[in-house]
Amino acid sequence: MKANEVFDDVCSLISEKYTDSGWKYSKSDHWMTKKDKNFTYKVFFYTSWNNISDKNVAFYGECAIIPIKSKDKIFHINTRQCNIPSGQLYWNIANEDNWDYAVQEFTNWLDSVFIPIVECCMNDLDNFVKQVTVEGFYPSRGYVVDISFILTYGSRELAEEATKRYYVSLDESIKKEFKENYESMINGNKTVSVYGNNMMRNYSNFRTVVENKIIITF
């Protein structure tokens, strides 16, 4: 089979497992989506541009939560970050004999990592925000958090708590950059390093903290 046909088939096999629970699959975009009034939940399916039909066809994926009124991913994680499949960057699905294993392992990853987050977010957002404030979106990967998410759907008090926890979770070298730039910019001054420039240029926790003047004590 041609590489694109193989990829289409595996994407369809996975998406079929979730249609009964409200997920919609876009064959042309190769992603699954589910929505509520606040967010779009997405599962992206990826392959490679240099596939070789019948020999090597890559398959891997990513999950994300995106606010309805924004394009910024407030949470995202991919299979490579989770070392799935073990020791490899992707599943080779060129041979149909490998499809069942790839589909099973990928859906196990979705069911253990992303689906519980989606269900918590959809079913009890208030409590989920509080949970994320304390633990992050995905505790086993460290304190993964989006301060804007906490501020928008929680409170300023929770955002301040999340900011403190986020700062503590940073590597020591990043803490120094964060602190120096924060202390300058929170008082209306300019960035003091490339870190500050980069963080303010892109969507980031640092930018959210500074623009909303969230108080953090060091």
Protein backbone atom coordinates (compact mmCIF):
# COMPACT_ATOMS: atom_id res chain seq x y z
CA MET A 1 0.00 0.00 0.00
CA LYS A 2 1.06 3.58 -0.60
CA ALA A 3 2.33 5.44 2.45
CA ASN A 4 -0.52 7.96 2.47
CA GLU A 5 -3.11 5.17 2.29
CA VAL A 6 -1.48 3.37 5.20
CA PHE A 7 -1.45 6.56 7.26
CA ASP A 8 -5.12 7.25 6.44
CA ASP A 9 -6.13 3.74 7.48
CA VAL A 10 -4.36 3.83 10.84
CA CYS A 11 -5.79 7.29 11.63
CA SER A 12 -9.27 5.98 10.83
CA LEU A 13 -8.81 2.88 13.00
CA ILE A 14 -7.90 5.05 15.97
CA SER A 15 -10.62 7.65 15.45
CA GLU A 16 -13.31 4.97 15.16
CA LYS A 17 -12.69 4.07 18.79
CA TYR A 18 -13.73 7.54 19.94
CA THR A 19 -16.68 8.52 17.73
CA ASP A 20 -19.22 7.12 20.21
CA SER A 21 -17.87 9.44 22.91
CA GLY A 22 -18.32 12.57 20.80
CA TRP A 23 -15.00 12.92 18.97
CA LYS A 24 -15.11 13.96 15.32
CA TYR A 25 -12.43 12.93 12.83
CA SER A 26 -11.29 15.09 9.93
CA LYS A 27 -9.72 12.85 7.32
CA SER A 28 -8.35 15.77 5.30
CA ASP A 29 -6.64 17.33 8.35
CA HIS A 30 -5.77 14.08 10.12
CA TRP A 31 -7.01 15.17 13.53
CA MET A 32 -9.77 14.39 16.01
CA THR A 33 -11.67 17.14 17.80
CA LYS A 34 -14.13 17.53 20.61
CA LYS A 35 -15.56 20.84 21.83
CA ASP A 36 -17.39 22.46 24.69
CA LYS A 37 -18.27 26.13 25.25
CA ASN A 38 -14.71 26.97 26.32
CA PHE A 39 -12.25 24.75 24.49
CA THR A 40 -11.41 22.66 21.48
CA TYR A 41 -9.70 19.40 22.39
CA LYS A 42 -7.52 18.04 19.60
CA VAL A 43 -5.61 14.89 18.81
CA PHE A 44 -3.23 15.42 15.92
CA PHE A 45 -1.97 12.48 13.84
CA TYR A 46 1.42 12.94 12.19
CA THR A 47 3.56 11.14 9.65
CA SER A 48 6.78 11.93 7.80
CA TRP A 49 7.46 13.58 4.44
CA ASN A 50 10.13 10.97 3.60
CA ASN A 51 8.10 7.79 4.08
CA ILE A 52 8.97 4.79 1.91
CA SER A 53 5.92 2.73 0.96
CA ASP A 54 6.05 -0.88 2.19
CA LYS A 55 9.26 -0.17 4.11
CA ASN A 56 8.99 2.75 6.52
CA VAL A 57 5.87 4.81 7.25
CA ALA A 58 6.06 6.94 10.38
CA PHE A 59 3.17 7.47 12.76
CA TYR A 60 3.09 9.59 15.92
CA GLY A 61 0.81 12.17 17.50
CA GLU A 62 0.09 15.13 19.74
CA CYS A 63 -2.76 16.22 22.04
CA ALA A 64 -3.77 19.80 22.82
CA ILE A 65 -6.36 21.99 24.51
CA ILE A 66 -7.07 25.23 22.65
CA PRO A 67 -9.43 27.98 23.87
CA ILE A 68 -12.35 28.62 21.49
CA LYS A 69 -11.36 32.28 21.12
CA SER A 70 -7.63 31.68 20.73
CA LYS A 71 -5.08 29.69 18.78
CA ASP A 72 -2.74 29.27 21.74
CA LYS A 73 -2.36 25.77 23.14
CA ILE A 74 -2.91 25.97 26.89
CA PHE A 75 -1.82 22.34 27.18
CA HIS A 76 -0.09 20.09 24.69
CA ILE A 77 1.94 16.93 24.80
CA ASN A 78 3.16 14.53 22.16
CA THR A 79 4.07 10.87 22.02
CA ARG A 80 7.77 11.64 21.69
CA GLN A 81 7.77 13.57 24.98
CA CYS A 82 6.27 10.50 26.64
CA ASN A 83 8.76 8.10 25.03
CA ILE A 84 5.96 6.33 23.17
CA PRO A 85 6.70 3.97 21.48
CA SER A 86 9.46 2.94 23.88
CA GLY A 87 12.88 3.98 22.63
CA GLN A 88 11.54 5.10 19.25
CA LEU A 89 10.45 8.41 17.71
CA TYR A 90 7.46 6.84 15.95
CA TRP A 91 5.64 3.65 15.04
CA ASN A 92 6.54 2.13 11.68
CA ILE A 93 3.14 1.24 10.17
CA ALA A 94 4.34 0.29 6.68
CA ASN A 95 3.47 -3.35 7.37
CA GLU A 96 -0.19 -4.04 8.20
CA ASP A 97 0.95 -6.64 10.75
CA ASN A 98 2.15 -3.73 12.91
CA TRP A 99 -1.11 -1.77 12.85
CA ASP A 100 -2.80 -3.47 15.79
CA TYR A 101 0.17 -2.84 18.05
CA ALA A 102 0.48 0.81 16.99
CA VAL A 103 -3.24 1.47 17.38
CA GLN A 104 -3.38 -0.25 20.76
CA GLU A 105 -0.34 1.53 22.16
CA PHE A 106 -1.44 4.92 20.83
CA THR A 107 -4.99 4.58 22.22
CA ASN A 108 -3.60 3.39 25.56
CA TRP A 109 -1.53 6.58 25.63
CA LEU A 110 -4.58 8.71 24.83
CA ASP A 111 -6.70 6.96 27.44
CA SER A 112 -4.12 7.31 30.18
CA VAL A 113 -2.75 10.79 29.44
CA PHE A 114 -5.21 13.00 27.55
CA ILE A 115 -8.76 11.65 27.83
CA PRO A 116 -8.84 11.99 31.66
CA ILE A 117 -7.73 15.63 31.32
CA VAL A 118 -10.44 16.30 28.75
CA GLU A 119 -13.13 14.71 30.93
CA CYS A 120 -12.09 16.69 34.01
CA CYS A 121 -11.99 19.92 32.02
CA MET A 122 -15.40 19.33 30.45
CA ASN A 123 -17.25 17.94 33.46
CA ASP A 124 -16.04 20.12 36.34
CA LEU A 125 -13.95 23.05 35.15
CA ASP A 126 -13.93 24.86 38.51
CA ASN A 127 -12.43 21.93 40.36
CA PHE A 128 -10.13 21.11 37.46
CA VAL A 129 -8.65 24.62 37.57
CA LYS A 130 -7.95 24.18 41.28
CA GLN A 131 -6.41 20.78 40.61
CA VAL A 132 -4.17 22.17 37.85
CA THR A 133 -3.12 25.03 40.15
CA VAL A 134 -1.75 22.54 42.67
CA GLU A 135 -0.55 19.68 40.47
CA GLY A 136 -0.27 20.97 36.91
CA PHE A 137 -2.00 19.43 33.91
CA TYR A 138 0.14 16.31 33.91
CA PRO A 139 1.93 15.81 37.27
CA SER A 140 4.15 12.93 36.15
CA ARG A 141 5.84 15.32 33.68
CA GLY A 142 6.53 17.93 36.34
CA TYR A 143 4.57 21.12 36.98
CA VAL A 144 3.05 21.68 33.53
CA VAL A 145 0.74 24.69 33.81
CA ASP A 146 -0.68 27.61 31.85
CA ILE A 147 -1.05 30.72 34.03
CA SER A 148 -3.48 32.36 31.61
CA PHE A 149 -5.76 29.31 31.91
CA ILE A 150 -5.75 29.65 35.71
CA LEU A 151 -6.33 33.40 35.57
CA THR A 152 -9.16 33.18 33.02
CA TYR A 153 -11.09 30.24 34.42
CA GLY A 154 -10.06 30.45 38.07
CA SER A 155 -9.07 33.56 39.99
CA ARG A 156 -6.20 35.96 40.50
CA GLU A 157 -5.47 34.30 43.82
CA LEU A 158 -5.12 30.90 42.14
CA ALA A 159 -3.00 32.46 39.39
CA GLU A 160 -0.62 33.86 42.01
CA GLU A 161 -0.35 30.43 43.64
CA ALA A 162 0.25 28.78 40.27
CA THR A 163 2.91 31.36 39.42
CA LYS A 164 4.80 30.59 42.63
CA ARG A 165 4.64 26.88 41.95
CA TYR A 166 5.69 27.41 38.34
CA TYR A 167 8.70 29.47 39.39
CA VAL A 168 9.79 26.82 41.89
CA SER A 169 9.56 24.15 39.16
CA LEU A 170 12.02 25.95 36.87
CA ASP A 171 15.67 24.99 36.49
CA GLU A 172 18.00 27.20 38.54
CA SER A 173 19.42 28.96 35.48
CA ILE A 174 15.93 29.80 34.22
CA LYS A 175 14.85 30.98 37.67
CA LYS A 176 17.62 33.59 37.57
CA GLU A 177 16.50 34.82 34.13
CA PHE A 178 12.85 34.85 35.17
CA LYS A 179 13.54 36.75 38.41
CA GLU A 180 15.81 39.40 36.90
CA ASN A 181 13.45 40.17 34.04
CA TYR A 182 10.35 40.04 36.24
CA GLU A 183 11.78 42.44 38.83
CA SER A 184 12.67 44.92 36.10
CA MET A 185 9.49 44.69 34.04
CA ILE A 186 6.97 44.55 36.89
CA ASN A 187 8.16 48.07 37.75
CA GLY A 188 7.67 49.28 34.20
CA ASN A 189 11.25 48.91 33.02
CA LYS A 190 12.60 46.98 30.04
CA THR A 191 13.72 43.38 29.75
CA VAL A 192 17.25 42.73 30.93
CA SER A 193 18.17 39.72 28.79
CA VAL A 194 17.33 37.70 25.70
CA TYR A 195 15.14 35.47 27.87
CA GLY A 196 12.85 38.39 28.68
CA ASN A 197 12.68 39.48 25.05
CA ASN A 198 11.82 36.00 23.84
CA MET A 199 9.21 35.36 26.53
CA MET A 200 7.44 38.65 25.82
CA ARG A 201 7.54 38.08 22.06
CA ASN A 202 5.70 34.76 22.29
CA TYR A 203 2.78 33.32 24.24
CA SER A 204 4.29 32.25 27.56
CA ASN A 205 3.68 32.02 31.29
CA PHE A 206 6.22 34.79 31.85
CA ARG A 207 4.38 37.13 29.50
CA THR A 208 1.04 36.39 31.20
CA VAL A 209 2.54 37.10 34.62
CA VAL A 210 4.10 40.41 33.58
CA GLU A 211 1.19 41.71 31.51
CA ASN A 212 -1.27 40.95 34.31
CA LYS A 213 1.10 42.17 37.03
CA ILE A 214 0.74 38.96 38.99
CA ILE A 215 2.56 39.28 42.30
CA ILE A 216 5.24 36.74 43.11
CA THR A 217 7.56 36.85 46.11
CA PHE A 218 10.98 35.28 45.76
